[in-house]
Amino acid sequence: MIVLDASVLIAHLDERDVHHERAETQLLDVAEHALAASPLTVAEVLAGPAAVGRLDRASAALRDLGLEEVPLGHDAGARLANLRAGTGLKLPDCCVLLAAQDAEARAIVTFDDRLAQAAHALGFQQQ
C-alpha cells in the first residue's frame, strides 16, 4: 500500500499544475501497488473541482486510480494530536501519516519536504 498526499493528487488532476508531469511519473512508478489516502486528503483534493462544478469528474479520476480511503479510527483524535505535537506538521499532513500507519503502508508519496522528512523519520519509504 502506498499513501498519497494531496499535493500529488491535485497535480495529477490538473494538467496546468507545475507538478503535473512529476505527479504522473510518481503515479506510474507506484502503479503496481494499492493506493490510498485519508478522507481529509480526498476532501482537500476534491474541494477545488467541487467549487467549479467538476466534482464528479475528479471523483471518477480518483476511482480510476483505484484510490482507497483509509477511514479514521475511533482513536484518531488522540493519535492526530500526538502526530501534530511530535512533528509540528499541520493536521492535514498528520492525516497522511495516520493513514499510512493505519494502512500499514510501505511508502508515502508527497511533494511536501516537511511531510516527507516526518514520514521518513516514522519509517516510511519515499517514492
N, C-alpha and C. Protein backbone atom coordinates (compact mmCIF):
# COMPACT_ATOMS: atom_id res chain seq x y z
N MET A 1 0.86 -1.18 0.00
CA MET A 1 0.00 0.00 0.00
C MET A 1 0.89 1.23 0.00
N ILE A 2 0.51 2.20 -0.84
CA ILE A 2 1.18 3.49 -0.92
C ILE A 2 0.15 4.56 -0.58
N VAL A 3 0.50 5.46 0.33
CA VAL A 3 -0.41 6.54 0.70
C VAL A 3 0.02 7.80 -0.06
N LEU A 4 -0.97 8.46 -0.65
CA LEU A 4 -0.71 9.66 -1.44
C LEU A 4 -1.14 10.91 -0.69
N ASP A 5 -0.34 11.95 -0.84
CA ASP A 5 -0.64 13.26 -0.27
C ASP A 5 -1.45 14.07 -1.29
N ALA A 6 -2.14 15.07 -0.81
CA ALA A 6 -2.96 15.92 -1.67
C ALA A 6 -2.13 16.58 -2.76
N SER A 7 -0.89 16.95 -2.46
CA SER A 7 -0.06 17.64 -3.45
C SER A 7 0.09 16.82 -4.73
N VAL A 8 0.24 15.53 -4.60
CA VAL A 8 0.40 14.64 -5.75
C VAL A 8 -0.92 14.48 -6.49
N LEU A 9 -1.99 14.28 -5.75
CA LEU A 9 -3.29 14.07 -6.38
C LEU A 9 -3.80 15.33 -7.07
N ILE A 10 -3.61 16.48 -6.46
CA ILE A 10 -4.03 17.74 -7.07
C ILE A 10 -3.26 17.96 -8.38
N ALA A 11 -1.96 17.72 -8.34
CA ALA A 11 -1.15 17.88 -9.56
C ALA A 11 -1.57 16.88 -10.63
N HIS A 12 -1.92 15.68 -10.23
CA HIS A 12 -2.38 14.67 -11.19
C HIS A 12 -3.65 15.12 -11.90
N LEU A 13 -4.57 15.72 -11.16
CA LEU A 13 -5.86 16.12 -11.73
C LEU A 13 -5.79 17.38 -12.58
N ASP A 14 -4.76 18.19 -12.38
CA ASP A 14 -4.68 19.49 -13.06
C ASP A 14 -3.48 19.53 -14.00
N GLU A 15 -3.74 19.41 -15.29
CA GLU A 15 -2.66 19.40 -16.27
C GLU A 15 -1.87 20.70 -16.30
N ARG A 16 -2.43 21.77 -15.75
CA ARG A 16 -1.73 23.07 -15.71
C ARG A 16 -0.87 23.22 -14.46
N ASP A 17 -1.01 22.30 -13.53
CA ASP A 17 -0.23 22.36 -12.29
C ASP A 17 1.25 22.20 -12.61
N VAL A 18 2.09 22.98 -11.96
CA VAL A 18 3.53 22.95 -12.19
C VAL A 18 4.13 21.57 -11.91
N HIS A 19 3.47 20.79 -11.06
CA HIS A 19 3.97 19.45 -10.70
C HIS A 19 3.24 18.32 -11.43
N HIS A 20 2.44 18.65 -12.44
CA HIS A 20 1.64 17.62 -13.12
C HIS A 20 2.50 16.49 -13.68
N GLU A 21 3.52 16.81 -14.42
CA GLU A 21 4.37 15.77 -15.03
C GLU A 21 5.05 14.92 -13.95
N ARG A 22 5.50 15.58 -12.91
CA ARG A 22 6.13 14.86 -11.80
C ARG A 22 5.13 13.92 -11.13
N ALA A 23 3.90 14.38 -10.96
CA ALA A 23 2.86 13.53 -10.37
C ALA A 23 2.59 12.32 -11.25
N GLU A 24 2.51 12.53 -12.55
CA GLU A 24 2.27 11.43 -13.47
C GLU A 24 3.40 10.39 -13.38
N THR A 25 4.63 10.86 -13.32
CA THR A 25 5.78 9.96 -13.20
C THR A 25 5.72 9.19 -11.90
N GLN A 26 5.43 9.89 -10.80
CA GLN A 26 5.35 9.24 -9.50
C GLN A 26 4.26 8.18 -9.48
N LEU A 27 3.11 8.50 -10.04
CA LEU A 27 2.00 7.55 -10.05
C LEU A 27 2.30 6.34 -10.93
N LEU A 28 2.99 6.55 -12.02
CA LEU A 28 3.41 5.41 -12.85
C LEU A 28 4.39 4.52 -12.10
N ASP A 29 5.27 5.15 -11.32
CA ASP A 29 6.27 4.40 -10.56
C ASP A 29 5.65 3.50 -9.50
N VAL A 30 4.47 3.85 -9.01
CA VAL A 30 3.83 3.07 -7.94
C VAL A 30 2.57 2.36 -8.43
N ALA A 31 2.39 2.29 -9.73
CA ALA A 31 1.16 1.75 -10.32
C ALA A 31 0.87 0.31 -9.92
N GLU A 32 1.90 -0.46 -9.58
CA GLU A 32 1.67 -1.87 -9.23
C GLU A 32 1.21 -2.04 -7.78
N HIS A 33 1.17 -0.96 -7.02
CA HIS A 33 0.76 -1.02 -5.62
C HIS A 33 -0.66 -0.49 -5.44
N ALA A 34 -1.31 -0.93 -4.38
CA ALA A 34 -2.58 -0.33 -3.99
C ALA A 34 -2.31 1.09 -3.50
N LEU A 35 -3.21 2.01 -3.85
CA LEU A 35 -3.05 3.41 -3.48
C LEU A 35 -4.14 3.82 -2.50
N ALA A 36 -3.77 4.67 -1.56
CA ALA A 36 -4.72 5.09 -0.53
C ALA A 36 -4.47 6.53 -0.13
N ALA A 37 -5.47 7.09 0.55
CA ALA A 37 -5.37 8.44 1.10
C ALA A 37 -6.35 8.56 2.25
N SER A 38 -6.11 9.53 3.10
CA SER A 38 -7.04 9.78 4.20
C SER A 38 -8.28 10.49 3.65
N PRO A 39 -9.40 10.40 4.36
CA PRO A 39 -10.60 11.13 3.92
C PRO A 39 -10.37 12.64 3.84
N LEU A 40 -9.55 13.18 4.74
CA LEU A 40 -9.27 14.61 4.70
C LEU A 40 -8.47 14.97 3.45
N THR A 41 -7.53 14.11 3.07
CA THR A 41 -6.77 14.33 1.85
C THR A 41 -7.70 14.33 0.64
N VAL A 42 -8.59 13.36 0.59
CA VAL A 42 -9.54 13.28 -0.53
C VAL A 42 -10.40 14.55 -0.57
N ALA A 43 -10.86 15.01 0.58
CA ALA A 43 -11.66 16.24 0.62
C ALA A 43 -10.85 17.44 0.13
N GLU A 44 -9.59 17.51 0.53
CA GLU A 44 -8.70 18.59 0.08
C GLU A 44 -8.58 18.58 -1.44
N VAL A 45 -8.39 17.40 -2.00
CA VAL A 45 -8.21 17.25 -3.44
C VAL A 45 -9.49 17.60 -4.19
N LEU A 46 -10.63 17.24 -3.65
CA LEU A 46 -11.90 17.45 -4.35
C LEU A 46 -12.51 18.83 -4.14
N ALA A 47 -12.00 19.60 -3.20
CA ALA A 47 -12.58 20.92 -2.92
C ALA A 47 -12.51 21.84 -4.13
N GLY A 48 -11.37 21.90 -4.78
CA GLY A 48 -11.23 22.76 -5.96
C GLY A 48 -12.17 22.36 -7.08
N PRO A 49 -12.16 21.09 -7.49
CA PRO A 49 -13.10 20.66 -8.51
C PRO A 49 -14.56 20.89 -8.11
N ALA A 50 -14.90 20.69 -6.86
CA ALA A 50 -16.28 20.91 -6.40
C ALA A 50 -16.68 22.37 -6.58
N ALA A 51 -15.74 23.26 -6.35
CA ALA A 51 -16.02 24.69 -6.45
C ALA A 51 -16.33 25.14 -7.87
N VAL A 52 -15.85 24.39 -8.85
CA VAL A 52 -16.08 24.76 -10.26
C VAL A 52 -16.98 23.77 -10.99
N GLY A 53 -17.73 22.98 -10.22
CA GLY A 53 -18.70 22.07 -10.82
C GLY A 53 -18.11 20.83 -11.46
N ARG A 54 -16.92 20.43 -11.03
CA ARG A 54 -16.26 19.26 -11.62
C ARG A 54 -16.00 18.13 -10.61
N LEU A 55 -16.82 18.09 -9.59
CA LEU A 55 -16.64 17.07 -8.56
C LEU A 55 -16.76 15.67 -9.12
N ASP A 56 -17.76 15.43 -9.94
CA ASP A 56 -17.96 14.08 -10.50
C ASP A 56 -16.77 13.63 -11.32
N ARG A 57 -16.25 14.53 -12.14
CA ARG A 57 -15.09 14.20 -12.99
C ARG A 57 -13.85 13.89 -12.14
N ALA A 58 -13.61 14.71 -11.13
CA ALA A 58 -12.45 14.49 -10.27
C ALA A 58 -12.60 13.21 -9.45
N SER A 59 -13.80 12.97 -8.95
CA SER A 59 -14.05 11.74 -8.19
C SER A 59 -13.82 10.52 -9.06
N ALA A 60 -14.27 10.59 -10.31
CA ALA A 60 -14.06 9.48 -11.25
C ALA A 60 -12.57 9.25 -11.50
N ALA A 61 -11.81 10.32 -11.61
CA ALA A 61 -10.36 10.20 -11.83
C ALA A 61 -9.68 9.51 -10.64
N LEU A 62 -10.13 9.81 -9.43
CA LEU A 62 -9.57 9.15 -8.25
C LEU A 62 -9.96 7.67 -8.22
N ARG A 63 -11.20 7.39 -8.61
CA ARG A 63 -11.62 5.98 -8.70
C ARG A 63 -10.81 5.24 -9.74
N ASP A 64 -10.52 5.90 -10.86
CA ASP A 64 -9.72 5.28 -11.92
C ASP A 64 -8.32 4.91 -11.43
N LEU A 65 -7.81 5.67 -10.48
CA LEU A 65 -6.51 5.34 -9.87
C LEU A 65 -6.63 4.14 -8.93
N GLY A 66 -7.85 3.80 -8.57
CA GLY A 66 -8.05 2.74 -7.58
C GLY A 66 -7.80 3.24 -6.17
N LEU A 67 -7.90 4.53 -5.97
CA LEU A 67 -7.61 5.14 -4.67
C LEU A 67 -8.62 4.69 -3.62
N GLU A 68 -8.10 4.17 -2.52
CA GLU A 68 -8.92 3.76 -1.38
C GLU A 68 -8.81 4.81 -0.29
N GLU A 69 -9.92 5.08 0.38
CA GLU A 69 -9.87 5.96 1.54
C GLU A 69 -9.62 5.12 2.78
N VAL A 70 -8.65 5.53 3.57
CA VAL A 70 -8.34 4.86 4.84
C VAL A 70 -9.18 5.55 5.91
N PRO A 71 -10.16 4.85 6.46
CA PRO A 71 -11.05 5.50 7.43
C PRO A 71 -10.31 5.93 8.69
N LEU A 72 -10.80 7.01 9.28
CA LEU A 72 -10.26 7.45 10.56
C LEU A 72 -10.77 6.51 11.65
N GLY A 73 -9.89 6.00 12.47
CA GLY A 73 -10.26 5.10 13.54
C GLY A 73 -10.88 5.83 14.71
N HIS A 74 -11.40 5.07 15.64
CA HIS A 74 -12.07 5.64 16.82
C HIS A 74 -11.13 6.49 17.67
N ASP A 75 -9.84 6.23 17.59
CA ASP A 75 -8.87 6.97 18.39
C ASP A 75 -8.10 7.99 17.56
N ALA A 76 -8.65 8.38 16.42
CA ALA A 76 -7.94 9.28 15.50
C ALA A 76 -7.61 10.62 16.14
N GLY A 77 -8.51 11.15 16.93
CA GLY A 77 -8.26 12.47 17.54
C GLY A 77 -6.99 12.49 18.38
N ALA A 78 -6.85 11.53 19.26
CA ALA A 78 -5.66 11.47 20.12
C ALA A 78 -4.41 11.17 19.31
N ARG A 79 -4.52 10.28 18.36
CA ARG A 79 -3.34 9.93 17.54
C ARG A 79 -2.91 11.10 16.68
N LEU A 80 -3.87 11.83 16.12
CA LEU A 80 -3.53 13.01 15.33
C LEU A 80 -2.88 14.08 16.22
N ALA A 81 -3.39 14.22 17.43
CA ALA A 81 -2.79 15.19 18.37
C ALA A 81 -1.35 14.82 18.65
N ASN A 82 -1.07 13.53 18.86
CA ASN A 82 0.31 13.10 19.10
C ASN A 82 1.20 13.33 17.88
N LEU A 83 0.66 13.05 16.69
CA LEU A 83 1.45 13.30 15.47
C LEU A 83 1.72 14.79 15.30
N ARG A 84 0.72 15.61 15.55
CA ARG A 84 0.88 17.07 15.44
C ARG A 84 1.93 17.57 16.42
N ALA A 85 1.84 17.11 17.67
CA ALA A 85 2.79 17.53 18.69
C ALA A 85 4.20 17.03 18.39
N GLY A 86 4.30 15.82 17.88
CA GLY A 86 5.61 15.22 17.63
C GLY A 86 6.30 15.70 16.38
N THR A 87 5.53 16.12 15.38
CA THR A 87 6.14 16.50 14.10
C THR A 87 6.10 18.00 13.82
N GLY A 88 5.14 18.69 14.45
CA GLY A 88 4.96 20.11 14.15
C GLY A 88 4.25 20.35 12.83
N LEU A 89 3.79 19.28 12.19
CA LEU A 89 3.08 19.42 10.92
C LEU A 89 1.64 19.87 11.16
N LYS A 90 1.03 20.42 10.12
CA LYS A 90 -0.38 20.78 10.19
C LYS A 90 -1.21 19.50 10.14
N LEU A 91 -2.44 19.60 10.64
CA LEU A 91 -3.30 18.42 10.73
C LEU A 91 -3.54 17.70 9.40
N PRO A 92 -3.70 18.40 8.27
CA PRO A 92 -3.87 17.64 7.02
C PRO A 92 -2.68 16.72 6.72
N ASP A 93 -1.48 17.18 7.03
CA ASP A 93 -0.30 16.34 6.83
C ASP A 93 -0.25 15.21 7.84
N CYS A 94 -0.70 15.48 9.06
CA CYS A 94 -0.77 14.42 10.06
C CYS A 94 -1.77 13.35 9.65
N CYS A 95 -2.84 13.75 8.95
CA CYS A 95 -3.80 12.77 8.44
C CYS A 95 -3.15 11.84 7.43
N VAL A 96 -2.22 12.34 6.64
CA VAL A 96 -1.49 11.49 5.69
C VAL A 96 -0.68 10.46 6.47
N LEU A 97 0.01 10.91 7.50
CA LEU A 97 0.82 10.00 8.32
C LEU A 97 -0.05 8.96 9.02
N LEU A 98 -1.19 9.40 9.55
CA LEU A 98 -2.09 8.48 10.24
C LEU A 98 -2.64 7.43 9.26
N ALA A 99 -3.00 7.87 8.07
CA ALA A 99 -3.49 6.93 7.06
C ALA A 99 -2.41 5.90 6.72
N ALA A 100 -1.18 6.36 6.61
CA ALA A 100 -0.08 5.44 6.30
C ALA A 100 0.11 4.43 7.43
N GLN A 101 0.03 4.90 8.67
CA GLN A 101 0.16 3.98 9.81
C GLN A 101 -0.98 2.97 9.81
N ASP A 102 -2.20 3.46 9.65
CA ASP A 102 -3.36 2.57 9.73
C ASP A 102 -3.43 1.57 8.57
N ALA A 103 -2.94 1.98 7.42
CA ALA A 103 -2.95 1.09 6.25
C ALA A 103 -1.70 0.21 6.20
N GLU A 104 -0.82 0.40 7.18
CA GLU A 104 0.47 -0.31 7.18
C GLU A 104 1.16 -0.15 5.82
N ALA A 105 1.17 1.11 5.37
CA ALA A 105 1.75 1.45 4.07
C ALA A 105 3.26 1.27 4.09
N ARG A 106 3.80 0.99 2.93
CA ARG A 106 5.25 0.90 2.81
C ARG A 106 5.86 2.25 2.50
N ALA A 107 5.06 3.15 1.89
CA ALA A 107 5.61 4.43 1.47
C ALA A 107 4.53 5.50 1.41
N ILE A 108 4.99 6.74 1.42
CA ILE A 108 4.15 7.91 1.23
C ILE A 108 4.71 8.68 0.04
N VAL A 109 3.82 9.11 -0.84
CA VAL A 109 4.24 9.94 -1.97
C VAL A 109 3.72 11.35 -1.73
N THR A 110 4.64 12.30 -1.67
CA THR A 110 4.31 13.69 -1.43
C THR A 110 5.34 14.59 -2.10
N PHE A 111 4.94 15.82 -2.37
CA PHE A 111 5.88 16.83 -2.86
C PHE A 111 6.25 17.80 -1.73
N ASP A 112 5.73 17.56 -0.54
CA ASP A 112 5.96 18.42 0.63
C ASP A 112 7.20 17.92 1.37
N ASP A 113 8.24 18.73 1.41
CA ASP A 113 9.50 18.31 2.02
C ASP A 113 9.37 18.02 3.51
N ARG A 114 8.62 18.84 4.23
CA ARG A 114 8.47 18.61 5.68
C ARG A 114 7.71 17.31 5.95
N LEU A 115 6.67 17.06 5.18
CA LEU A 115 5.93 15.82 5.33
C LEU A 115 6.82 14.63 4.97
N ALA A 116 7.59 14.76 3.92
CA ALA A 116 8.49 13.68 3.51
C ALA A 116 9.51 13.37 4.61
N GLN A 117 10.04 14.40 5.24
CA GLN A 117 11.01 14.20 6.33
C GLN A 117 10.36 13.50 7.52
N ALA A 118 9.16 13.93 7.88
CA ALA A 118 8.45 13.31 9.01
C ALA A 118 8.12 11.86 8.68
N ALA A 119 7.69 11.61 7.45
CA ALA A 119 7.37 10.24 7.03
C ALA A 119 8.60 9.35 7.12
N HIS A 120 9.72 9.86 6.66
CA HIS A 120 10.97 9.11 6.74
C HIS A 120 11.34 8.81 8.19
N ALA A 121 11.19 9.80 9.06
CA ALA A 121 11.51 9.61 10.48
C ALA A 121 10.62 8.55 11.11
N LEU A 122 9.41 8.38 10.58
CA LEU A 122 8.49 7.36 11.09
C LEU A 122 8.67 6.01 10.42
N GLY A 123 9.63 5.93 9.50
CA GLY A 123 9.96 4.64 8.88
C GLY A 123 9.32 4.37 7.53
N PHE A 124 8.68 5.38 6.95
CA PHE A 124 8.06 5.18 5.64
C PHE A 124 9.05 5.52 4.54
N GLN A 125 9.03 4.72 3.48
CA GLN A 125 9.88 4.98 2.31
C GLN A 125 9.31 6.15 1.54
N GLN A 126 10.17 6.75 0.72
CA GLN A 126 9.74 7.81 -0.19
C GLN A 126 9.77 7.26 -1.59
N GLN A 127 8.78 7.59 -2.38
CA GLN A 127 8.72 7.16 -3.76
C GLN A 127 8.96 8.34 -4.66
